């Protein structure tokens, strides 16, 4: 487990906190139902982007992140390690920092 960092949570800290709060319920729900909750929260984030207050937007972003951490917990994925592996040094598409991919394409 990682140490607590001053000023905020690491991705690993967040994932652990979500597990401590909801782990048993999440495991019982399973990954399919959890994924549906994640998608619902993404829809709520879309609404907040379009017409929400800054506070509503922030809270919906937090919900999306929490449900993603939940899904990672259920499937045994260490999100922090995955993010470091994919985005730790350079763009996964062009291998540059900063990214030099064509802006019309997903890196």
N, C-alpha and C. Protein backbone atom coordinates (compact mmCIF):
# COMPACT_ATOMS: atom_id res chain seq x y z
N UNK A 1 0.84 -1.18 0.00
CA UNK A 1 0.00 0.00 0.00
C UNK A 1 0.89 1.25 0.00
N UNK A 2 0.35 2.33 -0.59
CA UNK A 2 1.14 3.55 -0.68
C UNK A 2 0.97 4.39 0.57
N UNK A 3 1.92 5.29 0.76
CA UNK A 3 1.82 6.21 1.88
C UNK A 3 0.86 7.34 1.53
N UNK A 4 0.29 7.97 2.53
CA UNK A 4 -0.59 9.11 2.30
C UNK A 4 0.25 10.30 1.86
N UNK A 5 -0.15 10.94 0.79
CA UNK A 5 0.58 12.07 0.26
C UNK A 5 -0.07 13.36 0.73
N UNK A 6 0.75 14.34 1.20
CA UNK A 6 0.19 15.61 1.66
C UNK A 6 -0.57 16.29 0.52
N UNK A 7 -1.71 16.86 0.83
CA UNK A 7 -2.44 17.64 -0.15
C UNK A 7 -3.37 16.86 -1.05
N UNK A 8 -3.45 15.54 -0.91
CA UNK A 8 -4.38 14.83 -1.78
C UNK A 8 -4.21 13.34 -1.74
N UNK A 9 -5.08 12.69 -2.49
CA UNK A 9 -5.07 11.24 -2.59
C UNK A 9 -4.35 10.82 -3.86
N UNK A 10 -3.63 9.73 -3.79
CA UNK A 10 -3.14 9.11 -5.01
C UNK A 10 -4.29 8.29 -5.59
N UNK A 11 -4.12 7.84 -6.81
CA UNK A 11 -5.12 6.95 -7.39
C UNK A 11 -5.26 5.70 -6.54
N UNK A 12 -4.14 5.18 -6.07
CA UNK A 12 -4.17 3.98 -5.23
C UNK A 12 -4.91 4.25 -3.92
N UNK A 13 -4.69 5.42 -3.32
CA UNK A 13 -5.41 5.79 -2.09
C UNK A 13 -6.91 5.83 -2.33
N UNK A 14 -7.32 6.43 -3.44
CA UNK A 14 -8.75 6.49 -3.77
C UNK A 14 -9.32 5.10 -3.95
N UNK A 15 -8.61 4.26 -4.69
CA UNK A 15 -9.09 2.90 -4.93
C UNK A 15 -9.23 2.14 -3.62
N UNK A 16 -8.29 2.31 -2.72
CA UNK A 16 -8.36 1.65 -1.42
C UNK A 16 -9.53 2.19 -0.60
N UNK A 17 -9.73 3.51 -0.61
CA UNK A 17 -10.84 4.10 0.15
C UNK A 17 -12.18 3.57 -0.36
N UNK A 18 -12.35 3.51 -1.67
CA UNK A 18 -13.59 2.99 -2.23
C UNK A 18 -13.79 1.53 -1.80
N UNK A 19 -12.71 0.75 -1.81
CA UNK A 19 -12.81 -0.65 -1.38
C UNK A 19 -13.22 -0.73 0.09
N UNK A 20 -12.60 0.10 0.94
CA UNK A 20 -12.93 0.07 2.36
C UNK A 20 -14.39 0.46 2.61
N UNK A 21 -14.88 1.44 1.87
CA UNK A 21 -16.25 1.90 2.05
C UNK A 21 -17.28 0.93 1.49
N UNK A 22 -17.01 0.38 0.31
CA UNK A 22 -18.05 -0.33 -0.43
C UNK A 22 -17.66 -1.71 -0.94
N UNK A 23 -16.49 -2.20 -0.60
CA UNK A 23 -15.97 -3.43 -1.19
C UNK A 23 -16.91 -4.62 -1.19
N UNK A 24 -17.54 -4.91 -0.05
CA UNK A 24 -18.43 -6.08 0.02
C UNK A 24 -19.66 -5.89 -0.86
N UNK A 25 -20.25 -4.70 -0.82
CA UNK A 25 -21.42 -4.41 -1.66
C UNK A 25 -21.04 -4.48 -3.14
N UNK A 26 -19.88 -3.93 -3.47
CA UNK A 26 -19.45 -3.91 -4.87
C UNK A 26 -19.21 -5.32 -5.40
N UNK A 27 -18.57 -6.15 -4.60
CA UNK A 27 -18.30 -7.53 -5.01
C UNK A 27 -19.61 -8.29 -5.24
N UNK A 28 -20.58 -8.06 -4.38
CA UNK A 28 -21.87 -8.73 -4.53
C UNK A 28 -22.61 -8.24 -5.78
N UNK A 29 -22.46 -6.98 -6.13
CA UNK A 29 -23.12 -6.42 -7.30
C UNK A 29 -22.51 -6.96 -8.59
N UNK A 30 -21.19 -7.11 -8.60
CA UNK A 30 -20.51 -7.64 -9.78
C UNK A 30 -20.14 -6.58 -10.80
N UNK A 31 -19.36 -7.01 -11.79
CA UNK A 31 -18.83 -6.05 -12.74
C UNK A 31 -19.85 -5.55 -13.76
N UNK A 32 -20.78 -6.37 -14.18
CA UNK A 32 -21.77 -5.92 -15.18
C UNK A 32 -22.66 -4.82 -14.62
N UNK A 33 -23.20 -5.01 -13.44
CA UNK A 33 -24.05 -3.99 -12.83
C UNK A 33 -23.24 -2.75 -12.47
N UNK A 34 -22.02 -2.94 -12.03
CA UNK A 34 -21.16 -1.81 -11.71
C UNK A 34 -20.87 -0.99 -12.95
N UNK A 35 -20.62 -1.66 -14.07
CA UNK A 35 -20.37 -0.94 -15.32
C UNK A 35 -21.58 -0.10 -15.70
N UNK A 36 -22.78 -0.62 -15.50
CA UNK A 36 -23.98 0.16 -15.82
C UNK A 36 -24.07 1.42 -14.94
N UNK A 37 -23.71 1.29 -13.66
CA UNK A 37 -23.68 2.47 -12.78
C UNK A 37 -22.64 3.47 -13.29
N UNK A 38 -21.48 2.99 -13.72
CA UNK A 38 -20.45 3.88 -14.25
C UNK A 38 -20.98 4.65 -15.46
N UNK A 39 -21.62 3.95 -16.38
CA UNK A 39 -22.16 4.59 -17.58
C UNK A 39 -23.23 5.61 -17.21
N UNK A 40 -24.07 5.28 -16.23
CA UNK A 40 -25.08 6.24 -15.77
C UNK A 40 -24.41 7.51 -15.25
N UNK A 41 -23.34 7.34 -14.49
CA UNK A 41 -22.63 8.51 -13.97
C UNK A 41 -21.97 9.32 -15.08
N UNK A 42 -21.50 8.66 -16.12
CA UNK A 42 -20.94 9.39 -17.27
C UNK A 42 -22.05 10.22 -17.91
N UNK A 43 -23.25 9.68 -18.00
CA UNK A 43 -24.38 10.46 -18.52
C UNK A 43 -24.68 11.67 -17.65
N UNK A 44 -24.62 11.50 -16.35
CA UNK A 44 -24.84 12.63 -15.44
C UNK A 44 -23.73 13.66 -15.59
N UNK A 45 -22.51 13.20 -15.85
CA UNK A 45 -21.40 14.12 -16.10
C UNK A 45 -21.67 14.92 -17.38
N UNK A 46 -22.18 14.26 -18.41
CA UNK A 46 -22.51 14.97 -19.66
C UNK A 46 -23.53 16.07 -19.40
N UNK A 47 -24.53 15.78 -18.60
CA UNK A 47 -25.54 16.78 -18.26
C UNK A 47 -24.91 17.95 -17.50
N UNK A 48 -24.04 17.63 -16.55
CA UNK A 48 -23.38 18.69 -15.78
C UNK A 48 -22.47 19.54 -16.66
N UNK A 49 -21.82 18.92 -17.63
CA UNK A 49 -20.98 19.69 -18.56
C UNK A 49 -21.83 20.67 -19.36
N UNK A 50 -23.01 20.24 -19.74
CA UNK A 50 -23.88 21.06 -20.57
C UNK A 50 -24.54 22.18 -19.77
N UNK A 51 -25.02 21.85 -18.57
CA UNK A 51 -25.86 22.85 -17.89
C UNK A 51 -25.70 22.88 -16.38
N UNK A 52 -24.70 22.23 -15.84
CA UNK A 52 -24.54 22.20 -14.39
C UNK A 52 -23.71 23.35 -13.86
N UNK A 53 -23.77 23.49 -12.57
CA UNK A 53 -22.91 24.47 -11.90
C UNK A 53 -21.50 23.89 -11.79
N UNK A 54 -20.52 24.71 -11.49
CA UNK A 54 -19.17 24.16 -11.28
C UNK A 54 -19.14 23.10 -10.17
N UNK A 55 -19.92 23.28 -9.12
CA UNK A 55 -19.96 22.29 -8.04
C UNK A 55 -20.57 20.98 -8.51
N UNK A 56 -21.67 21.05 -9.27
CA UNK A 56 -22.28 19.84 -9.81
C UNK A 56 -21.32 19.10 -10.74
N UNK A 57 -20.61 19.86 -11.56
CA UNK A 57 -19.64 19.27 -12.47
C UNK A 57 -18.55 18.53 -11.69
N UNK A 58 -18.02 19.17 -10.66
CA UNK A 58 -16.97 18.55 -9.85
C UNK A 58 -17.47 17.27 -9.19
N UNK A 59 -18.68 17.30 -8.65
CA UNK A 59 -19.21 16.12 -7.97
C UNK A 59 -19.47 14.98 -8.94
N UNK A 60 -19.94 15.28 -10.14
CA UNK A 60 -20.14 14.22 -11.14
C UNK A 60 -18.81 13.63 -11.59
N UNK A 61 -17.78 14.47 -11.72
CA UNK A 61 -16.45 13.93 -12.04
C UNK A 61 -15.98 13.00 -10.94
N UNK A 62 -16.22 13.37 -9.69
CA UNK A 62 -15.83 12.51 -8.57
C UNK A 62 -16.60 11.19 -8.62
N UNK A 63 -17.88 11.24 -8.96
CA UNK A 63 -18.67 10.01 -9.06
C UNK A 63 -18.13 9.09 -10.15
N UNK A 64 -17.80 9.65 -11.31
CA UNK A 64 -17.26 8.82 -12.40
C UNK A 64 -15.96 8.16 -11.96
N UNK A 65 -15.10 8.93 -11.31
CA UNK A 65 -13.83 8.38 -10.84
C UNK A 65 -14.05 7.28 -9.80
N UNK A 66 -15.00 7.50 -8.89
CA UNK A 66 -15.29 6.50 -7.86
C UNK A 66 -15.83 5.21 -8.46
N UNK A 67 -16.73 5.31 -9.44
CA UNK A 67 -17.28 4.10 -10.05
C UNK A 67 -16.23 3.39 -10.89
N UNK A 68 -15.31 4.13 -11.51
CA UNK A 68 -14.21 3.48 -12.22
C UNK A 68 -13.31 2.74 -11.24
N UNK A 69 -13.03 3.35 -10.09
CA UNK A 69 -12.24 2.68 -9.05
C UNK A 69 -12.96 1.43 -8.56
N UNK A 70 -14.27 1.50 -8.43
CA UNK A 70 -15.06 0.34 -8.02
C UNK A 70 -14.90 -0.80 -9.01
N UNK A 71 -15.05 -0.49 -10.28
CA UNK A 71 -14.91 -1.51 -11.32
C UNK A 71 -13.50 -2.11 -11.31
N UNK A 72 -12.50 -1.27 -11.13
CA UNK A 72 -11.12 -1.76 -11.05
C UNK A 72 -10.95 -2.69 -9.85
N UNK A 73 -11.53 -2.34 -8.72
CA UNK A 73 -11.44 -3.19 -7.54
C UNK A 73 -12.05 -4.56 -7.80
N UNK A 74 -13.23 -4.56 -8.39
CA UNK A 74 -13.92 -5.83 -8.66
C UNK A 74 -13.09 -6.71 -9.59
N UNK A 75 -12.46 -6.10 -10.58
CA UNK A 75 -11.70 -6.88 -11.57
C UNK A 75 -10.22 -7.04 -11.20
N UNK A 76 -9.79 -6.52 -10.05
CA UNK A 76 -8.42 -6.71 -9.61
C UNK A 76 -7.39 -5.90 -10.38
N UNK A 77 -7.78 -4.73 -10.86
CA UNK A 77 -6.87 -3.87 -11.61
C UNK A 77 -6.33 -2.78 -10.69
N UNK A 78 -5.02 -2.62 -10.66
CA UNK A 78 -4.38 -1.53 -9.93
C UNK A 78 -4.35 -0.33 -10.90
N UNK A 79 -5.30 0.61 -10.70
CA UNK A 79 -5.43 1.74 -11.62
C UNK A 79 -4.17 2.60 -11.66
N UNK A 80 -3.57 2.83 -10.51
CA UNK A 80 -2.37 3.68 -10.49
C UNK A 80 -1.26 3.05 -11.33
N UNK A 81 -1.05 1.77 -11.19
CA UNK A 81 -0.02 1.09 -11.98
C UNK A 81 -0.37 1.12 -13.47
N UNK A 82 -1.65 0.95 -13.79
CA UNK A 82 -2.07 0.97 -15.19
C UNK A 82 -1.86 2.35 -15.81
N UNK A 83 -2.19 3.40 -15.07
CA UNK A 83 -2.01 4.76 -15.58
C UNK A 83 -0.52 5.06 -15.76
N UNK A 84 0.28 4.67 -14.79
CA UNK A 84 1.73 4.88 -14.94
C UNK A 84 2.28 4.13 -16.13
N UNK A 85 1.84 2.90 -16.32
CA UNK A 85 2.32 2.07 -17.42
C UNK A 85 1.95 2.70 -18.77
N UNK A 86 0.72 3.21 -18.87
CA UNK A 86 0.27 3.73 -20.16
C UNK A 86 0.67 5.18 -20.40
N UNK A 87 0.60 6.04 -19.38
CA UNK A 87 0.80 7.47 -19.56
C UNK A 87 1.95 8.05 -18.75
N UNK A 88 2.77 7.21 -18.16
CA UNK A 88 3.78 7.66 -17.22
C UNK A 88 4.86 8.58 -17.77
N UNK A 89 5.27 8.39 -18.99
CA UNK A 89 6.38 9.18 -19.53
C UNK A 89 6.02 9.94 -20.80
N UNK A 90 5.38 9.26 -21.74
CA UNK A 90 5.10 9.87 -23.04
C UNK A 90 3.69 9.50 -23.50
N UNK A 91 3.28 10.14 -24.57
CA UNK A 91 1.99 9.80 -25.20
C UNK A 91 2.07 8.36 -25.69
N UNK A 92 1.05 7.55 -25.40
CA UNK A 92 1.09 6.17 -25.88
C UNK A 92 0.98 6.05 -27.40
N UNK A 93 0.50 7.10 -28.06
CA UNK A 93 0.37 7.06 -29.51
C UNK A 93 1.66 7.41 -30.25
N UNK A 94 2.17 8.62 -29.99
CA UNK A 94 3.33 9.11 -30.73
C UNK A 94 4.65 8.94 -29.97
N UNK A 95 4.56 8.54 -28.70
CA UNK A 95 5.74 8.35 -27.85
C UNK A 95 6.49 9.66 -27.58
N UNK A 96 5.79 10.80 -27.66
CA UNK A 96 6.41 12.10 -27.42
C UNK A 96 5.82 12.74 -26.17
N UNK A 97 6.57 13.72 -25.62
CA UNK A 97 6.11 14.51 -24.50
C UNK A 97 6.55 15.94 -24.74
N UNK A 98 5.64 16.86 -25.06
CA UNK A 98 4.19 16.67 -25.15
C UNK A 98 3.78 15.92 -26.41
N UNK A 99 2.53 15.49 -26.40
CA UNK A 99 1.96 14.73 -27.51
C UNK A 99 2.02 15.53 -28.81
N UNK A 100 2.37 14.83 -29.89
CA UNK A 100 2.39 15.45 -31.22
C UNK A 100 1.48 14.71 -32.19
N UNK A 101 0.55 13.93 -31.64
CA UNK A 101 -0.42 13.24 -32.48
C UNK A 101 -1.29 14.25 -33.24
N UNK A 102 -1.81 13.84 -34.37
CA UNK A 102 -2.75 14.66 -35.13
C UNK A 102 -3.94 14.96 -34.21
N UNK A 103 -4.30 16.24 -34.04
CA UNK A 103 -5.40 16.60 -33.13
C UNK A 103 -6.74 15.96 -33.50
N UNK A 104 -6.90 15.54 -34.73
CA UNK A 104 -8.17 14.92 -35.13
C UNK A 104 -8.24 13.45 -34.76
N UNK A 105 -7.13 12.90 -34.26
CA UNK A 105 -7.09 11.50 -33.89
C UNK A 105 -6.94 11.33 -32.39
N UNK A 106 -7.48 10.24 -31.87
CA UNK A 106 -7.31 9.91 -30.46
C UNK A 106 -5.89 9.39 -30.27
N UNK A 107 -5.14 9.94 -29.31
CA UNK A 107 -3.76 9.44 -29.11
C UNK A 107 -3.74 8.02 -28.58
